[in-house]
Amino acid sequence: MAPSADNPSARAGRGHRSAGGESGPGGADAAWHARKVAVAVTGGIACYKVAALVSRLSQAGATVRVLMTEAATRFVGTLTFESLSGAPVASSIWEAQEHHDSQHVGLARWCELLIVAPATADTIAKVAAGICDDIVSLTLCALPCQTPVLLAPSMNEQMWNNPITQRNMATVQRVLGYHVVGPETGWQACRTEGAGRMSEPEAILEAAAKLLPPLGRGDALKPLRA
């Protein structure tokens, strides 16, 4: 099993713990106010759960930008996330939404935190190998080293336990310093029970809040166009 989100072996410097993430009732929502969060959605059945995550972030006051792989759009349409986030969805490396030059670079410089949910075996493998052939893998590659990344893995139990997947998980955590929430054990779309089920939106939100960098870190980065 891959190490947890707070694995001390992860590279120091990617991500910070904020006091806001550990405050009392109501504090969690306050911690998200005006924060810039990118949510990368990749192609797994758990995509439908991410709609609730994006909605929750938006309600808490975060400014959310959603990125989707082509496979993700087969499960949930871009219109769903555009409606929930109130912003265009980046789903192609060939179409610029808010940046007319390098969409992935602009998004990478803009966000204070990037959440990948669901993080499929395919996407994890691409990132571990440095492959950049879709908007999600490109943006992750362009991300500044200090920007925290949270992965919420989702896949079949056998895929999760595959030695190659575990090797890739170790790479993204130890080399890139990514954080991980889940996966959980439970009922899966393949009609079996086991490890690999994506964590619920509230668990992802709680883990993400602990990674918010200090306010003001992103002020010097290039903003998205209004």
C-alpha atoms as a PDB file:
ATOM      1  CA  MET A   1       0.000   0.000   0.000  1.00  0.00           C
ATOM      2  CA  ALA A   2       1.257   3.469  -0.842  1.00  0.00           C
ATOM      3  CA  PRO A   3       2.270   5.873   1.942  1.00  0.00           C
ATOM      4  CA  SER A   4      -0.281   8.299   3.391  1.00  0.00           C
ATOM      5  CA  ALA A   5      -0.756  11.959   2.572  1.00  0.00           C
ATOM      6  CA  ASP A   6       1.498  13.039   5.434  1.00  0.00           C
ATOM      7  CA  ASN A   7       4.370  10.691   4.543  1.00  0.00           C
ATOM      8  CA  PRO A   8       7.572  12.346   5.818  1.00  0.00           C
ATOM      9  CA  SER A   9       9.477  10.849   2.882  1.00  0.00           C
ATOM     10  CA  ALA A  10       7.670  13.200   0.473  1.00  0.00           C
ATOM     11  CA  ARG A  11       9.915  15.962  -0.834  1.00  0.00           C
ATOM     12  CA  ALA A  12       9.947  18.928   1.509  1.00  0.00           C
ATOM     13  CA  GLY A  13       8.656  22.164   0.088  1.00  0.00           C
ATOM     14  CA  ARG A  14       5.574  21.057  -1.848  1.00  0.00           C
ATOM     15  CA  GLY A  15       2.636  22.096   0.299  1.00  0.00           C
ATOM     16  CA  HIS A  16       2.129  23.722   3.658  1.00  0.00           C
ATOM     17  CA  ARG A  17      -0.189  23.185   6.581  1.00  0.00           C
ATOM     18  CA  SER A  18      -2.384  26.179   7.329  1.00  0.00           C
ATOM     19  CA  ALA A  19      -3.931  26.956  10.664  1.00  0.00           C
ATOM     20  CA  GLY A  20      -7.227  27.533   8.863  1.00  0.00           C
ATOM     21  CA  GLY A  21      -7.471  23.868   7.988  1.00  0.00           C
ATOM     22  CA  GLU A  22      -7.567  22.917  11.657  1.00  0.00           C
ATOM     23  CA  SER A  23      -9.895  25.571  13.015  1.00  0.00           C
ATOM     24  CA  GLY A  24     -13.200  24.998  14.748  1.00  0.00           C
ATOM     25  CA  PRO A  25     -16.758  24.981  13.370  1.00  0.00           C
ATOM     26  CA  GLY A  26     -17.061  27.261  10.380  1.00  0.00           C
ATOM     27  CA  GLY A  27     -13.301  27.680  10.190  1.00  0.00           C
ATOM     28  CA  ALA A  28     -12.910  25.206   7.364  1.00  0.00           C
ATOM     29  CA  ASP A  29     -15.147  27.254   5.054  1.00  0.00           C
ATOM     30  CA  ALA A  30     -13.370  30.473   6.047  1.00  0.00           C
ATOM     31  CA  ALA A  31     -10.047  28.912   5.100  1.00  0.00           C
ATOM     32  CA  TRP A  32     -11.225  28.526   1.478  1.00  0.00           C
ATOM     33  CA  HIS A  33     -12.392  32.112   0.983  1.00  0.00           C
ATOM     34  CA  ALA A  34     -10.803  33.601  -2.164  1.00  0.00           C
ATOM     35  CA  ARG A  35      -8.350  30.692  -2.500  1.00  0.00           C
ATOM     36  CA  LYS A  36      -7.416  29.600  -6.031  1.00  0.00           C
ATOM     37  CA  VAL A  37      -7.990  25.881  -6.518  1.00  0.00           C
ATOM     38  CA  ALA A  38      -7.596  23.777  -9.649  1.00  0.00           C
ATOM     39  CA  VAL A  39      -9.484  20.480  -9.735  1.00  0.00           C
ATOM     40  CA  ALA A  40      -8.223  17.998 -12.324  1.00  0.00           C
ATOM     41  CA  VAL A  41     -10.771  15.328 -13.255  1.00  0.00           C
ATOM     42  CA  THR A  42      -9.549  12.185 -14.999  1.00  0.00           C
ATOM     43  CA  GLY A  43     -11.413   9.290 -16.584  1.00  0.00           C
ATOM     44  CA  GLY A  44     -12.942   7.099 -13.907  1.00  0.00           C
ATOM     45  CA  ILE A  45     -16.464   6.263 -12.765  1.00  0.00           C
ATOM     46  CA  ALA A  46     -15.830   8.283  -9.590  1.00  0.00           C
ATOM     47  CA  CYS A  47     -16.022  11.467 -11.706  1.00  0.00           C
ATOM     48  CA  TYR A  48     -19.607  11.917 -10.581  1.00  0.00           C
ATOM     49  CA  LYS A  49     -18.437  12.419  -6.979  1.00  0.00           C
ATOM     50  CA  VAL A  50     -16.172  15.280  -7.998  1.00  0.00           C
ATOM     51  CA  ALA A  51     -19.181  17.410  -8.863  1.00  0.00           C
ATOM     52  CA  ALA A  52     -19.982  17.512  -5.146  1.00  0.00           C
ATOM     53  CA  LEU A  53     -16.362  18.449  -4.352  1.00  0.00           C
ATOM     54  CA  VAL A  54     -16.355  21.358  -6.805  1.00  0.00           C
ATOM     55  CA  SER A  55     -19.718  22.539  -5.505  1.00  0.00           C
ATOM     56  CA  ARG A  56     -18.477  22.394  -1.921  1.00  0.00           C
ATOM     57  CA  LEU A  57     -15.341  24.382  -2.758  1.00  0.00           C
ATOM     58  CA  SER A  58     -17.354  27.032  -4.586  1.00  0.00           C
ATOM     59  CA  GLN A  59     -19.836  27.343  -1.722  1.00  0.00           C
ATOM     60  CA  ALA A  60     -16.934  27.779   0.700  1.00  0.00           C
ATOM     61  CA  GLY A  61     -15.735  30.799  -1.283  1.00  0.00           C
ATOM     62  CA  ALA A  62     -12.890  29.298  -3.308  1.00  0.00           C
ATOM     63  CA  THR A  63     -12.271  30.306  -6.910  1.00  0.00           C
ATOM     64  CA  VAL A  64     -12.270  26.999  -8.771  1.00  0.00           C
ATOM     65  CA  ARG A  65     -10.977  26.068 -12.197  1.00  0.00           C
ATOM     66  CA  VAL A  66     -11.686  22.569 -13.491  1.00  0.00           C
ATOM     67  CA  LEU A  67      -9.480  20.603 -15.889  1.00  0.00           C
ATOM     68  CA  MET A  68     -10.771  17.418 -17.542  1.00  0.00           C
ATOM     69  CA  THR A  69      -9.145  14.738 -19.623  1.00  0.00           C
ATOM     70  CA  GLU A  70     -11.020  13.585 -22.725  1.00  0.00           C
ATOM     71  CA  ALA A  71     -11.831  10.319 -20.937  1.00  0.00           C
ATOM     72  CA  ALA A  72     -13.334  12.223 -17.988  1.00  0.00           C
ATOM     73  CA  THR A  73     -15.783  13.980 -20.304  1.00  0.00           C
ATOM     74  CA  ARG A  74     -17.174  10.543 -21.237  1.00  0.00           C
ATOM     75  CA  PHE A  75     -18.415  10.164 -17.658  1.00  0.00           C
ATOM     76  CA  VAL A  76     -19.484  13.748 -16.805  1.00  0.00           C
ATOM     77  CA  GLY A  77     -19.940  16.608 -19.251  1.00  0.00           C
ATOM     78  CA  THR A  78     -18.001  19.851 -19.076  1.00  0.00           C
ATOM     79  CA  LEU A  79     -21.261  21.781 -18.669  1.00  0.00           C
ATOM     80  CA  THR A  80     -21.769  20.226 -15.224  1.00  0.00           C
ATOM     81  CA  PHE A  81     -18.468  21.570 -13.924  1.00  0.00           C
ATOM     82  CA  GLU A  82     -18.852  24.903 -15.695  1.00  0.00           C
ATOM     83  CA  SER A  83     -22.169  25.383 -13.911  1.00  0.00           C
ATOM     84  CA  LEU A  84     -20.780  24.373 -10.510  1.00  0.00           C
ATOM     85  CA  SER A  85     -17.555  26.380 -10.739  1.00  0.00           C
ATOM     86  CA  GLY A  86     -18.904  29.365 -12.649  1.00  0.00           C
ATOM     87  CA  ALA A  87     -15.917  29.216 -14.992  1.00  0.00           C
ATOM     88  CA  PRO A  88     -14.947  27.583 -18.296  1.00  0.00           C
ATOM     89  CA  VAL A  89     -13.565  24.042 -18.135  1.00  0.00           C
ATOM     90  CA  ALA A  90     -10.177  23.270 -19.694  1.00  0.00           C
ATOM     91  CA  SER A  91     -10.512  19.953 -21.492  1.00  0.00           C
ATOM     92  CA  SER A  92      -8.188  20.222 -24.480  1.00  0.00           C
ATOM     93  CA  ILE A  93      -4.579  21.196 -25.052  1.00  0.00           C
ATOM     94  CA  TRP A  94      -5.644  22.654 -28.399  1.00  0.00           C
ATOM     95  CA  GLU A  95      -8.345  25.069 -27.220  1.00  0.00           C
ATOM     96  CA  ALA A  96      -7.506  28.065 -25.023  1.00  0.00           C
ATOM     97  CA  GLN A  97     -10.255  29.133 -22.629  1.00  0.00           C
ATOM     98  CA  GLU A  98      -8.729  31.949 -20.567  1.00  0.00           C
ATOM     99  CA  HIS A  99      -5.168  31.918 -21.863  1.00  0.00           C
ATOM    100  CA  HIS A 100      -4.514  32.486 -25.541  1.00  0.00           C
ATOM    101  CA  ASP A 101      -0.949  31.218 -25.367  1.00  0.00           C
ATOM    102  CA  SER A 102      -0.251  28.330 -22.966  1.00  0.00           C
ATOM    103  CA  GLN A 103      -3.388  27.309 -21.107  1.00  0.00           C
ATOM    104  CA  HIS A 104      -1.626  24.703 -18.970  1.00  0.00           C
ATOM    105  CA  VAL A 105       1.148  27.079 -17.948  1.00  0.00           C
ATOM    106  CA  GLY A 106      -1.346  29.789 -17.048  1.00  0.00           C
ATOM    107  CA  LEU A 107      -3.406  27.414 -14.908  1.00  0.00           C
ATOM    108  CA  ALA A 108      -0.290  26.013 -13.249  1.00  0.00           C
ATOM    109  CA  ARG A 109       0.953  29.482 -12.290  1.00  0.00           C
ATOM    110  CA  TRP A 110      -2.490  30.628 -11.160  1.00  0.00           C
ATOM    111  CA  CYS A 111      -3.549  27.935  -8.692  1.00  0.00           C
ATOM    112  CA  GLU A 112      -2.520  27.722  -5.045  1.00  0.00           C
ATOM    113  CA  LEU A 113      -3.521  24.058  -4.802  1.00  0.00           C
ATOM    114  CA  LEU A 114      -4.237  21.361  -7.372  1.00  0.00           C
ATOM    115  CA  ILE A 115      -6.496  18.403  -6.588  1.00  0.00           C
ATOM    116  CA  VAL A 116      -6.577  15.392  -8.914  1.00  0.00           C
ATOM    117  CA  ALA A 117      -9.824  13.486  -8.399  1.00  0.00           C
ATOM    118  CA  PRO A 118     -10.294  10.810  -9.417  1.00  0.00           C
ATOM    119  CA  ALA A 119      -6.614  10.076  -9.949  1.00  0.00           C
ATOM    120  CA  THR A 120      -6.654   7.056 -12.244  1.00  0.00           C
ATOM    121  CA  ALA A 121      -3.855   4.509 -12.690  1.00  0.00           C
ATOM    122  CA  ASP A 122      -3.286   5.932 -16.171  1.00  0.00           C
ATOM    123  CA  THR A 123      -2.834   9.510 -14.975  1.00  0.00           C
ATOM    124  CA  ILE A 124      -0.611   8.495 -12.070  1.00  0.00           C
ATOM    125  CA  ALA A 125       1.564   6.485 -14.483  1.00  0.00           C
ATOM    126  CA  LYS A 126       1.833   9.425 -16.888  1.00  0.00           C
ATOM    127  CA  VAL A 127       2.907  11.824 -14.155  1.00  0.00           C
ATOM    128  CA  ALA A 128       5.423   9.352 -12.720  1.00  0.00           C
ATOM    129  CA  ALA A 129       6.956   8.886 -16.173  1.00  0.00           C
ATOM    130  CA  GLY A 130       6.848  12.552 -17.161  1.00  0.00           C
ATOM    131  CA  ILE A 131       4.395  11.993 -20.012  1.00  0.00           C
ATOM    132  CA  CYS A 132       2.479  15.156 -20.973  1.00  0.00           C
ATOM    133  CA  ASP A 133      -0.216  14.426 -23.545  1.00  0.00           C
ATOM    134  CA  ASP A 134      -3.388  15.939 -22.060  1.00  0.00           C
ATOM    135  CA  ILE A 135      -4.383  19.097 -20.204  1.00  0.00           C
ATOM    136  CA  VAL A 136      -4.073  17.456 -16.776  1.00  0.00           C
ATOM    137  CA  SER A 137      -0.617  15.900 -17.218  1.00  0.00           C
ATOM    138  CA  LEU A 138       0.667  19.059 -18.917  1.00  0.00           C
ATOM    139  CA  THR A 139      -0.557  21.299 -16.105  1.00  0.00           C
ATOM    140  CA  LEU A 140       0.915  19.027 -13.446  1.00  0.00           C
ATOM    141  CA  CYS A 141       4.270  19.086 -15.210  1.00  0.00           C
ATOM    142  CA  ALA A 142       4.206  22.894 -15.423  1.00  0.00           C
ATOM    143  CA  LEU A 143       3.242  23.353 -11.774  1.00  0.00           C
ATOM    144  CA  PRO A 144       5.699  25.335  -9.622  1.00  0.00           C
ATOM    145  CA  CYS A 145       7.475  23.079  -7.125  1.00  0.00           C
ATOM    146  CA  GLN A 146       5.985  24.896  -4.121  1.00  0.00           C
ATOM    147  CA  THR A 147       2.364  24.349  -5.212  1.00  0.00           C
ATOM    148  CA  PRO A 148       0.804  21.440  -3.278  1.00  0.00           C
ATOM    149  CA  VAL A 149      -0.842  18.586  -5.181  1.00  0.00           C
ATOM    150  CA  LEU A 150      -3.397  16.223  -3.670  1.00  0.00           C
ATOM    151  CA  LEU A 151      -4.205  12.933  -5.414  1.00  0.00           C
ATOM    152  CA  ALA A 152      -7.416  10.998  -4.730  1.00  0.00           C
ATOM    153  CA  PRO A 153      -6.735   7.611  -6.341  1.00  0.00           C
ATOM    154  CA  SER A 154      -9.607   5.609  -7.804  1.00  0.00           C
ATOM    155  CA  MET A 155      -9.333   2.237  -9.519  1.00  0.00           C
ATOM    156  CA  ASN A 156     -10.068  -1.465  -9.309  1.00  0.00           C
ATOM    157  CA  GLU A 157      -8.465  -3.297  -6.380  1.00  0.00           C
ATOM    158  CA  GLN A 158      -6.180  -5.342  -8.631  1.00  0.00           C
ATOM    159  CA  MET A 159      -5.076  -2.201 -10.459  1.00  0.00           C
ATOM    160  CA  TRP A 160      -4.354  -0.472  -7.148  1.00  0.00           C
ATOM    161  CA  ASN A 161      -2.339  -3.415  -5.838  1.00  0.00           C
ATOM    162  CA  ASN A 162      -0.425  -3.844  -9.096  1.00  0.00           C
ATOM    163  CA  PRO A 163       3.306  -3.452  -8.346  1.00  0.00           C
ATOM    164  CA  ILE A 164       3.676  -0.953 -11.181  1.00  0.00           C
ATOM    165  CA  THR A 165       0.916   1.248  -9.747  1.00  0.00           C
ATOM    166  CA  GLN A 166       2.543   1.081  -6.320  1.00  0.00           C
ATOM    167  CA  ARG A 167       5.904   1.973  -7.856  1.00  0.00           C
ATOM    168  CA  ASN A 168       4.311   4.954  -9.610  1.00  0.00           C
ATOM    169  CA  MET A 169       2.647   6.062  -6.385  1.00  0.00           C
ATOM    170  CA  ALA A 170       5.996   5.929  -4.601  1.00  0.00           C
ATOM    171  CA  THR A 171       7.539   8.022  -7.385  1.00  0.00           C
ATOM    172  CA  VAL A 172       4.961  10.811  -7.309  1.00  0.00           C
ATOM    173  CA  GLN A 173       5.140  10.992  -3.524  1.00  0.00           C
ATOM    174  CA  ARG A 174       8.874  10.688  -2.939  1.00  0.00           C
ATOM    175  CA  VAL A 175      10.177  12.473  -6.020  1.00  0.00           C
ATOM    176  CA  LEU A 176       7.435  15.027  -6.706  1.00  0.00           C
ATOM    177  CA  GLY A 177       6.223  15.460  -3.133  1.00  0.00           C
ATOM    178  CA  TYR A 178       2.561  14.846  -3.970  1.00  0.00           C
ATOM    179  CA  HIS A 179       0.083  14.164  -1.169  1.00  0.00           C
ATOM    180  CA  VAL A 180      -2.501  11.386  -1.234  1.00  0.00           C
ATOM    181  CA  VAL A 181      -5.928  10.881   0.311  1.00  0.00           C
ATOM    182  CA  GLY A 182      -7.313   7.332   0.193  1.00  0.00           C
ATOM    183  CA  PRO A 183      -8.145   5.174  -1.532  1.00  0.00           C
ATOM    184  CA  GLU A 184     -10.808   3.586   0.632  1.00  0.00           C
ATOM    185  CA  THR A 185     -11.999   0.001   0.789  1.00  0.00           C
ATOM    186  CA  GLY A 186     -15.550  -0.660  -0.362  1.00  0.00           C
ATOM    187  CA  TRP A 187     -17.928  -1.507  -3.187  1.00  0.00           C
ATOM    188  CA  GLN A 188     -16.511  -0.869  -6.653  1.00  0.00           C
ATOM    189  CA  ALA A 189     -18.013  -0.424 -10.110  1.00  0.00           C
ATOM    190  CA  CYS A 190     -16.622  -3.819 -11.131  1.00  0.00           C
ATOM    191  CA  ARG A 191     -19.123  -5.419  -8.706  1.00  0.00           C
ATOM    192  CA  THR A 192     -16.495  -6.402  -6.154  1.00  0.00           C
ATOM    193  CA  GLU A 193     -15.295  -5.016  -2.822  1.00  0.00           C
ATOM    194  CA  GLY A 194     -11.740  -4.006  -2.121  1.00  0.00           C
ATOM    195  CA  ALA A 195      -9.210  -1.200  -1.875  1.00  0.00           C
ATOM    196  CA  GLY A 196      -9.243   1.423  -4.613  1.00  0.00           C
ATOM    197  CA  ARG A 197     -12.496   3.287  -4.001  1.00  0.00           C
ATOM    198  CA  MET A 198     -12.043   7.062  -4.177  1.00  0.00           C
ATOM    199  CA  SER A 199     -12.404   8.923  -0.887  1.00  0.00           C
ATOM    200  CA  GLU A 200     -15.643  10.818  -0.376  1.00  0.00           C
ATOM    201  CA  PRO A 201     -15.714  14.545  -1.244  1.00  0.00           C
ATOM    202  CA  GLU A 202     -15.711  15.655   2.400  1.00  0.00           C
ATOM    203  CA  ALA A 203     -12.594  13.571   3.134  1.00  0.00           C
ATOM    204  CA  ILE A 204     -10.853  15.066   0.096  1.00  0.00           C
ATOM    205  CA  LEU A 205     -11.864  18.569   1.169  1.00  0.00           C
ATOM    206  CA  GLU A 206     -10.533  17.990   4.685  1.00  0.00           C
ATOM    207  CA  ALA A 207      -7.196  16.673   3.395  1.00  0.00           C
ATOM    208  CA  ALA A 208      -6.912  19.537   0.909  1.00  0.00           C
ATOM    209  CA  ALA A 209      -7.549  22.200   3.554  1.00  0.00           C
ATOM    210  CA  LYS A 210      -4.439  21.047   5.424  1.00  0.00           C
ATOM    211  CA  LEU A 211      -2.328  21.736   2.332  1.00  0.00           C
ATOM    212  CA  LEU A 212      -3.399  25.330   1.686  1.00  0.00           C
ATOM    213  CA  PRO A 213      -0.288  27.536   1.483  1.00  0.00           C
ATOM    214  CA  PRO A 214      -0.037  30.745   3.492  1.00  0.00           C
ATOM    215  CA  LEU A 215      -2.159  33.560   2.115  1.00  0.00           C
ATOM    216  CA  GLY A 216      -0.364  35.742  -0.375  1.00  0.00           C
ATOM    217  CA  ARG A 217       1.970  33.132  -1.885  1.00  0.00           C
ATOM    218  CA  GLY A 218       0.258  33.300  -5.277  1.00  0.00           C
ATOM    219  CA  ASP A 219       0.133  37.079  -5.506  1.00  0.00           C
ATOM    220  CA  ALA A 220       3.243  37.254  -7.662  1.00  0.00           C
ATOM    221  CA  LEU A 221       2.057  34.555 -10.039  1.00  0.00           C
ATOM    222  CA  LYS A 222       0.360  35.315 -13.327  1.00  0.00           C
ATOM    223  CA  PRO A 223      -3.408  35.709 -12.792  1.00  0.00           C
ATOM    224  CA  LEU A 224      -6.072  34.269 -15.045  1.00  0.00           C
ATOM    225  CA  ARG A 225      -7.818  36.819 -17.181  1.00  0.00           C
ATOM    226  CA  ALA A 226     -11.097  38.101 -15.782  1.00  0.00           C
END
